Amino acid sequence: MPIPVHTYDVDYMQIVSNTVYPKWFEDLRMAMLDKHFPLNEMMKEHNTPILAETHIKYMHPISLESKPVGRVWLSKLHASRWEVQLEIVEEDRVYCTGSQTGYYFNLDSRRPVRFPESLVEYYNSL
C-alpha cells in the first residue's frame, strides 16, 4: 500500500525519523489483517494480536519527496504465534526491511490462544 510521508514524519535533517517506521509497520500489518482476518471479528471472541518483537533494517533514508510503498506478508503461523515480513520500497529501491512476531491473545484469560482453524487452513493452502 502507498505510504504518505508527512511533514511531521521528518526530522531536522529532512528525512523520515527512524521512530516513524514502527508506526508504518503497524499500519501495514493492520491493513493486512483487515483484508484477511479483521480485528472486529477477533474481538467478538475477546481475542487480539499482540506484538512481541519488531526488527527493522534501515537501508536508505526516506525524504518528503519520496513515494514509498509498503509490503507485508505472513511468513509463519503457528498455533498461537505469528510472524510477518515487511518492506518499504520505491520502485527498485528498498528503504527498509523488517519482521514482527506476536501472539494471538485472549483479553479475558490474558494468555495466548489458538488461531481459528479456518485461518490456519487458509494459510496452509497458500
N, C-alpha and C. Protein backbone atom coordinates (compact mmCIF):
# COMPACT_ATOMS: atom_id res chain seq x y z
N MET A 1 0.85 -1.18 0.00
CA MET A 1 0.00 0.00 0.00
C MET A 1 0.89 1.23 0.00
N PRO A 2 0.46 2.30 -0.64
CA PRO A 2 1.22 3.54 -0.62
C PRO A 2 1.32 4.09 0.80
N ILE A 3 2.46 4.66 1.12
CA ILE A 3 2.67 5.25 2.44
C ILE A 3 2.91 6.74 2.26
N PRO A 4 2.00 7.58 2.74
CA PRO A 4 2.23 9.02 2.61
C PRO A 4 3.30 9.48 3.60
N VAL A 5 4.19 10.35 3.14
CA VAL A 5 5.21 10.94 4.01
C VAL A 5 4.73 12.34 4.37
N HIS A 6 4.54 12.58 5.66
CA HIS A 6 4.04 13.87 6.14
C HIS A 6 5.18 14.70 6.72
N THR A 7 4.95 16.00 6.79
CA THR A 7 5.99 16.87 7.35
C THR A 7 6.34 16.48 8.78
N TYR A 8 5.39 16.01 9.55
CA TYR A 8 5.68 15.62 10.93
C TYR A 8 6.44 14.29 11.02
N ASP A 9 6.64 13.59 9.91
CA ASP A 9 7.42 12.36 9.89
C ASP A 9 8.93 12.61 9.78
N VAL A 10 9.30 13.81 9.33
CA VAL A 10 10.72 14.08 9.10
C VAL A 10 11.36 14.80 10.28
N ASP A 11 12.67 14.61 10.39
CA ASP A 11 13.43 15.25 11.46
C ASP A 11 14.14 16.50 10.93
N TYR A 12 15.02 17.05 11.72
CA TYR A 12 15.70 18.29 11.32
C TYR A 12 16.61 18.10 10.10
N MET A 13 16.94 16.86 9.76
CA MET A 13 17.77 16.59 8.57
C MET A 13 16.91 16.42 7.32
N GLN A 14 15.58 16.59 7.46
CA GLN A 14 14.63 16.48 6.35
C GLN A 14 14.45 15.05 5.85
N ILE A 15 14.73 14.07 6.73
CA ILE A 15 14.48 12.68 6.38
C ILE A 15 13.54 12.08 7.42
N VAL A 16 12.86 11.01 7.03
CA VAL A 16 11.91 10.37 7.94
C VAL A 16 12.66 9.82 9.15
N SER A 17 12.16 10.16 10.31
CA SER A 17 12.74 9.70 11.56
C SER A 17 12.58 8.19 11.69
N ASN A 18 13.59 7.54 12.26
CA ASN A 18 13.52 6.09 12.47
C ASN A 18 12.36 5.69 13.37
N THR A 19 11.87 6.61 14.16
CA THR A 19 10.74 6.29 15.04
C THR A 19 9.43 6.16 14.30
N VAL A 20 9.38 6.59 13.05
CA VAL A 20 8.14 6.53 12.25
C VAL A 20 7.93 5.14 11.66
N TYR A 21 8.99 4.42 11.36
CA TYR A 21 8.89 3.13 10.70
C TYR A 21 8.05 2.11 11.48
N PRO A 22 8.20 1.99 12.81
CA PRO A 22 7.33 1.04 13.54
C PRO A 22 5.84 1.36 13.37
N LYS A 23 5.49 2.65 13.32
CA LYS A 23 4.09 3.04 13.10
C LYS A 23 3.65 2.57 11.71
N TRP A 24 4.49 2.80 10.71
CA TRP A 24 4.15 2.35 9.36
C TRP A 24 4.02 0.83 9.31
N PHE A 25 4.89 0.11 10.01
CA PHE A 25 4.78 -1.34 10.06
C PHE A 25 3.45 -1.77 10.67
N GLU A 26 3.04 -1.08 11.72
CA GLU A 26 1.76 -1.39 12.36
C GLU A 26 0.60 -1.12 11.39
N ASP A 27 0.66 0.00 10.67
CA ASP A 27 -0.38 0.31 9.69
C ASP A 27 -0.46 -0.78 8.62
N LEU A 28 0.69 -1.25 8.15
CA LEU A 28 0.72 -2.31 7.13
C LEU A 28 0.13 -3.61 7.67
N ARG A 29 0.56 -3.98 8.87
CA ARG A 29 0.07 -5.24 9.45
C ARG A 29 -1.43 -5.19 9.68
N MET A 30 -1.94 -4.06 10.17
CA MET A 30 -3.37 -3.95 10.40
C MET A 30 -4.15 -3.92 9.09
N ALA A 31 -3.59 -3.34 8.04
CA ALA A 31 -4.26 -3.36 6.73
C ALA A 31 -4.35 -4.80 6.21
N MET A 32 -3.29 -5.58 6.43
CA MET A 32 -3.32 -6.99 6.03
C MET A 32 -4.40 -7.73 6.83
N LEU A 33 -4.45 -7.49 8.12
CA LEU A 33 -5.46 -8.15 8.95
C LEU A 33 -6.87 -7.75 8.52
N ASP A 34 -7.07 -6.47 8.24
CA ASP A 34 -8.40 -6.00 7.82
C ASP A 34 -8.87 -6.75 6.58
N LYS A 35 -7.95 -7.11 5.73
CA LYS A 35 -8.30 -7.80 4.49
C LYS A 35 -8.61 -9.29 4.72
N HIS A 36 -7.86 -9.94 5.62
CA HIS A 36 -7.97 -11.39 5.76
C HIS A 36 -8.55 -11.88 7.08
N PHE A 37 -8.42 -11.11 8.15
CA PHE A 37 -8.87 -11.54 9.47
C PHE A 37 -9.10 -10.29 10.32
N PRO A 38 -10.21 -9.58 10.05
CA PRO A 38 -10.45 -8.27 10.67
C PRO A 38 -10.45 -8.29 12.19
N LEU A 39 -9.92 -7.23 12.75
CA LEU A 39 -9.83 -7.10 14.20
C LEU A 39 -11.21 -7.19 14.85
N ASN A 40 -12.24 -6.63 14.23
CA ASN A 40 -13.57 -6.69 14.84
C ASN A 40 -14.07 -8.14 14.94
N GLU A 41 -13.64 -9.01 14.02
CA GLU A 41 -14.00 -10.43 14.11
C GLU A 41 -13.28 -11.09 15.29
N MET A 42 -12.00 -10.76 15.46
CA MET A 42 -11.25 -11.31 16.59
C MET A 42 -11.85 -10.86 17.92
N MET A 43 -12.21 -9.59 17.96
CA MET A 43 -12.70 -9.02 19.22
C MET A 43 -14.03 -9.60 19.65
N LYS A 44 -14.80 -10.20 18.74
CA LYS A 44 -16.04 -10.86 19.12
C LYS A 44 -15.78 -11.99 20.11
N GLU A 45 -14.59 -12.58 20.00
CA GLU A 45 -14.18 -13.66 20.92
C GLU A 45 -13.23 -13.14 22.01
N HIS A 46 -13.09 -11.81 22.09
CA HIS A 46 -12.19 -11.15 23.05
C HIS A 46 -10.73 -11.51 22.79
N ASN A 47 -10.41 -11.70 21.51
CA ASN A 47 -9.04 -12.01 21.11
C ASN A 47 -8.45 -10.86 20.31
N THR A 48 -7.13 -10.78 20.31
CA THR A 48 -6.44 -9.72 19.58
C THR A 48 -5.01 -10.16 19.30
N PRO A 49 -4.40 -9.64 18.23
CA PRO A 49 -2.99 -9.92 18.04
C PRO A 49 -2.17 -8.99 18.93
N ILE A 50 -1.16 -9.52 19.58
CA ILE A 50 -0.26 -8.67 20.35
C ILE A 50 1.14 -8.80 19.75
N LEU A 51 1.86 -7.73 19.84
CA LEU A 51 3.19 -7.65 19.27
C LEU A 51 4.23 -7.99 20.32
N ALA A 52 5.16 -8.90 19.98
CA ALA A 52 6.22 -9.29 20.90
C ALA A 52 7.58 -8.74 20.46
N GLU A 53 7.81 -8.65 19.15
CA GLU A 53 9.11 -8.20 18.65
C GLU A 53 8.92 -7.44 17.34
N THR A 54 9.75 -6.45 17.14
CA THR A 54 9.87 -5.76 15.85
C THR A 54 11.35 -5.60 15.54
N HIS A 55 11.74 -6.00 14.34
CA HIS A 55 13.12 -5.83 13.87
C HIS A 55 13.07 -5.04 12.58
N ILE A 56 13.92 -4.02 12.50
CA ILE A 56 13.95 -3.17 11.31
C ILE A 56 15.40 -3.00 10.86
N LYS A 57 15.61 -3.16 9.58
CA LYS A 57 16.92 -2.88 8.98
C LYS A 57 16.73 -1.68 8.06
N TYR A 58 17.33 -0.56 8.44
CA TYR A 58 17.25 0.67 7.66
C TYR A 58 18.32 0.63 6.57
N MET A 59 17.93 0.89 5.32
CA MET A 59 18.87 0.78 4.22
C MET A 59 19.12 2.11 3.50
N HIS A 60 18.07 2.90 3.29
CA HIS A 60 18.18 4.19 2.63
C HIS A 60 17.22 5.16 3.31
N PRO A 61 17.58 6.42 3.39
CA PRO A 61 16.67 7.40 4.01
C PRO A 61 15.49 7.73 3.09
N ILE A 62 14.39 8.06 3.71
CA ILE A 62 13.19 8.50 3.01
C ILE A 62 13.02 9.99 3.28
N SER A 63 12.73 10.75 2.23
CA SER A 63 12.53 12.19 2.38
C SER A 63 11.08 12.54 2.07
N LEU A 64 10.76 13.82 2.20
CA LEU A 64 9.40 14.27 1.91
C LEU A 64 9.00 14.02 0.46
N GLU A 65 9.97 14.02 -0.44
CA GLU A 65 9.69 13.82 -1.86
C GLU A 65 9.50 12.35 -2.23
N SER A 66 9.88 11.47 -1.34
CA SER A 66 9.79 10.03 -1.62
C SER A 66 8.34 9.59 -1.74
N LYS A 67 8.12 8.53 -2.50
CA LYS A 67 6.79 7.93 -2.67
C LYS A 67 6.87 6.45 -2.28
N PRO A 68 7.08 6.17 -1.00
CA PRO A 68 7.27 4.77 -0.59
C PRO A 68 5.99 3.95 -0.66
N VAL A 69 6.20 2.66 -0.85
CA VAL A 69 5.12 1.68 -0.85
C VAL A 69 5.51 0.61 0.18
N GLY A 70 4.54 0.22 1.00
CA GLY A 70 4.79 -0.82 1.99
C GLY A 70 4.23 -2.15 1.54
N ARG A 71 4.98 -3.19 1.87
CA ARG A 71 4.55 -4.57 1.59
C ARG A 71 4.63 -5.37 2.88
N VAL A 72 3.67 -6.24 3.07
CA VAL A 72 3.66 -7.09 4.25
C VAL A 72 3.10 -8.45 3.86
N TRP A 73 3.64 -9.51 4.46
CA TRP A 73 3.11 -10.84 4.22
C TRP A 73 3.35 -11.70 5.46
N LEU A 74 2.42 -12.60 5.66
CA LEU A 74 2.51 -13.55 6.76
C LEU A 74 3.51 -14.63 6.39
N SER A 75 4.57 -14.76 7.17
CA SER A 75 5.62 -15.72 6.82
C SER A 75 5.56 -16.99 7.67
N LYS A 76 4.99 -16.90 8.86
CA LYS A 76 4.85 -18.09 9.71
C LYS A 76 3.57 -17.96 10.53
N LEU A 77 2.90 -19.08 10.69
CA LEU A 77 1.70 -19.13 11.53
C LEU A 77 1.73 -20.43 12.31
N HIS A 78 1.87 -20.30 13.61
CA HIS A 78 1.87 -21.46 14.49
C HIS A 78 0.53 -21.50 15.23
N ALA A 79 0.40 -22.33 16.21
CA ALA A 79 -0.87 -22.47 16.92
C ALA A 79 -1.39 -21.13 17.43
N SER A 80 -0.52 -20.35 18.07
CA SER A 80 -0.94 -19.05 18.58
C SER A 80 0.07 -17.95 18.28
N ARG A 81 1.14 -18.27 17.57
CA ARG A 81 2.19 -17.30 17.25
C ARG A 81 2.22 -17.01 15.77
N TRP A 82 2.47 -15.76 15.43
CA TRP A 82 2.55 -15.35 14.03
C TRP A 82 3.83 -14.57 13.78
N GLU A 83 4.25 -14.55 12.52
CA GLU A 83 5.38 -13.72 12.12
C GLU A 83 5.07 -13.13 10.75
N VAL A 84 5.32 -11.84 10.61
CA VAL A 84 5.16 -11.18 9.32
C VAL A 84 6.49 -10.59 8.89
N GLN A 85 6.67 -10.50 7.59
CA GLN A 85 7.81 -9.83 6.98
C GLN A 85 7.29 -8.54 6.36
N LEU A 86 8.09 -7.50 6.42
CA LEU A 86 7.67 -6.21 5.88
C LEU A 86 8.82 -5.56 5.13
N GLU A 87 8.46 -4.74 4.16
CA GLU A 87 9.47 -3.93 3.49
C GLU A 87 8.81 -2.65 3.00
N ILE A 88 9.62 -1.61 2.95
CA ILE A 88 9.19 -0.33 2.41
C ILE A 88 10.11 -0.03 1.24
N VAL A 89 9.51 0.17 0.07
CA VAL A 89 10.27 0.28 -1.18
C VAL A 89 9.74 1.46 -2.01
N GLU A 90 10.51 1.79 -3.03
CA GLU A 90 10.06 2.72 -4.06
C GLU A 90 10.74 2.28 -5.34
N GLU A 91 9.94 1.75 -6.25
CA GLU A 91 10.44 1.14 -7.49
C GLU A 91 11.47 0.08 -7.12
N ASP A 92 12.74 0.24 -7.53
CA ASP A 92 13.73 -0.80 -7.23
C ASP A 92 14.57 -0.49 -5.99
N ARG A 93 14.25 0.57 -5.26
CA ARG A 93 14.99 0.94 -4.05
C ARG A 93 14.27 0.39 -2.82
N VAL A 94 14.99 -0.36 -2.02
CA VAL A 94 14.46 -0.88 -0.76
C VAL A 94 14.92 0.05 0.35
N TYR A 95 13.97 0.73 0.97
CA TYR A 95 14.30 1.65 2.06
C TYR A 95 14.57 0.91 3.36
N CYS A 96 13.76 -0.10 3.62
CA CYS A 96 13.96 -0.88 4.84
C CYS A 96 13.26 -2.22 4.72
N THR A 97 13.73 -3.16 5.51
CA THR A 97 13.07 -4.46 5.64
C THR A 97 12.88 -4.70 7.13
N GLY A 98 11.98 -5.60 7.44
CA GLY A 98 11.77 -5.90 8.85
C GLY A 98 10.88 -7.10 9.06
N SER A 99 10.74 -7.42 10.33
CA SER A 99 9.85 -8.51 10.72
C SER A 99 9.20 -8.17 12.05
N GLN A 100 8.05 -8.75 12.25
CA GLN A 100 7.35 -8.65 13.53
C GLN A 100 6.89 -10.03 13.94
N THR A 101 6.97 -10.29 15.22
CA THR A 101 6.49 -11.54 15.79
C THR A 101 5.51 -11.19 16.90
N GLY A 102 4.46 -11.99 17.00
CA GLY A 102 3.49 -11.75 18.05
C GLY A 102 2.65 -12.97 18.32
N TYR A 103 1.61 -12.78 19.10
CA TYR A 103 0.74 -13.88 19.54
C TYR A 103 -0.71 -13.49 19.36
N TYR A 104 -1.53 -14.50 19.19
CA TYR A 104 -2.97 -14.34 19.21
C TYR A 104 -3.36 -14.49 20.67
N PHE A 105 -3.97 -13.46 21.24
CA PHE A 105 -4.07 -13.30 22.68
C PHE A 105 -5.51 -13.12 23.10
N ASN A 106 -5.91 -13.80 24.16
CA ASN A 106 -7.25 -13.65 24.71
C ASN A 106 -7.22 -12.61 25.82
N LEU A 107 -8.07 -11.60 25.70
CA LEU A 107 -8.08 -10.50 26.66
C LEU A 107 -8.65 -10.90 28.02
N ASP A 108 -9.49 -11.92 28.07
CA ASP A 108 -10.07 -12.36 29.34
C ASP A 108 -9.07 -13.18 30.15
N SER A 109 -8.45 -14.16 29.52
CA SER A 109 -7.51 -15.04 30.23
C SER A 109 -6.12 -14.44 30.31
N ARG A 110 -5.85 -13.43 29.46
CA ARG A 110 -4.52 -12.82 29.38
C ARG A 110 -3.44 -13.84 29.00
N ARG A 111 -3.84 -14.74 28.09
CA ARG A 111 -2.93 -15.78 27.62
C ARG A 111 -3.09 -15.98 26.12
N PRO A 112 -2.05 -16.46 25.46
CA PRO A 112 -2.19 -16.79 24.04
C PRO A 112 -3.23 -17.89 23.83
N VAL A 113 -3.94 -17.82 22.71
CA VAL A 113 -4.92 -18.83 22.34
C VAL A 113 -4.66 -19.25 20.89
N ARG A 114 -5.22 -20.39 20.52
CA ARG A 114 -5.03 -20.89 19.16
C ARG A 114 -5.81 -20.04 18.15
N PHE A 115 -5.22 -19.91 16.97
CA PHE A 115 -5.92 -19.25 15.87
C PHE A 115 -7.11 -20.12 15.46
N PRO A 116 -8.16 -19.52 14.91
CA PRO A 116 -9.27 -20.31 14.39
C PRO A 116 -8.78 -21.27 13.30
N GLU A 117 -9.32 -22.45 13.28
CA GLU A 117 -8.91 -23.47 12.32
C GLU A 117 -9.08 -22.99 10.89
N SER A 118 -10.11 -22.20 10.62
CA SER A 118 -10.34 -21.71 9.27
C SER A 118 -9.18 -20.84 8.79
N LEU A 119 -8.61 -20.04 9.68
CA LEU A 119 -7.46 -19.21 9.31
C LEU A 119 -6.22 -20.07 9.07
N VAL A 120 -6.02 -21.06 9.90
CA VAL A 120 -4.87 -21.96 9.74
C VAL A 120 -4.99 -22.72 8.41
N GLU A 121 -6.17 -23.21 8.10
CA GLU A 121 -6.38 -23.92 6.84
C GLU A 121 -6.15 -22.99 5.64
N TYR A 122 -6.62 -21.77 5.73
CA TYR A 122 -6.41 -20.80 4.65
C TYR A 122 -4.91 -20.54 4.46
N TYR A 123 -4.20 -20.30 5.55
CA TYR A 123 -2.75 -20.06 5.47
C TYR A 123 -2.02 -21.26 4.86
N ASN A 124 -2.38 -22.45 5.31
CA ASN A 124 -1.72 -23.67 4.81
C ASN A 124 -2.03 -23.95 3.33
N SER A 125 -3.12 -23.39 2.84
CA SER A 125 -3.48 -23.61 1.43
C SER A 125 -2.72 -22.68 0.47
N LEU A 126 -2.07 -21.68 1.02
CA LEU A 126 -1.36 -20.72 0.16
C LEU A 126 -0.06 -21.28 -0.39
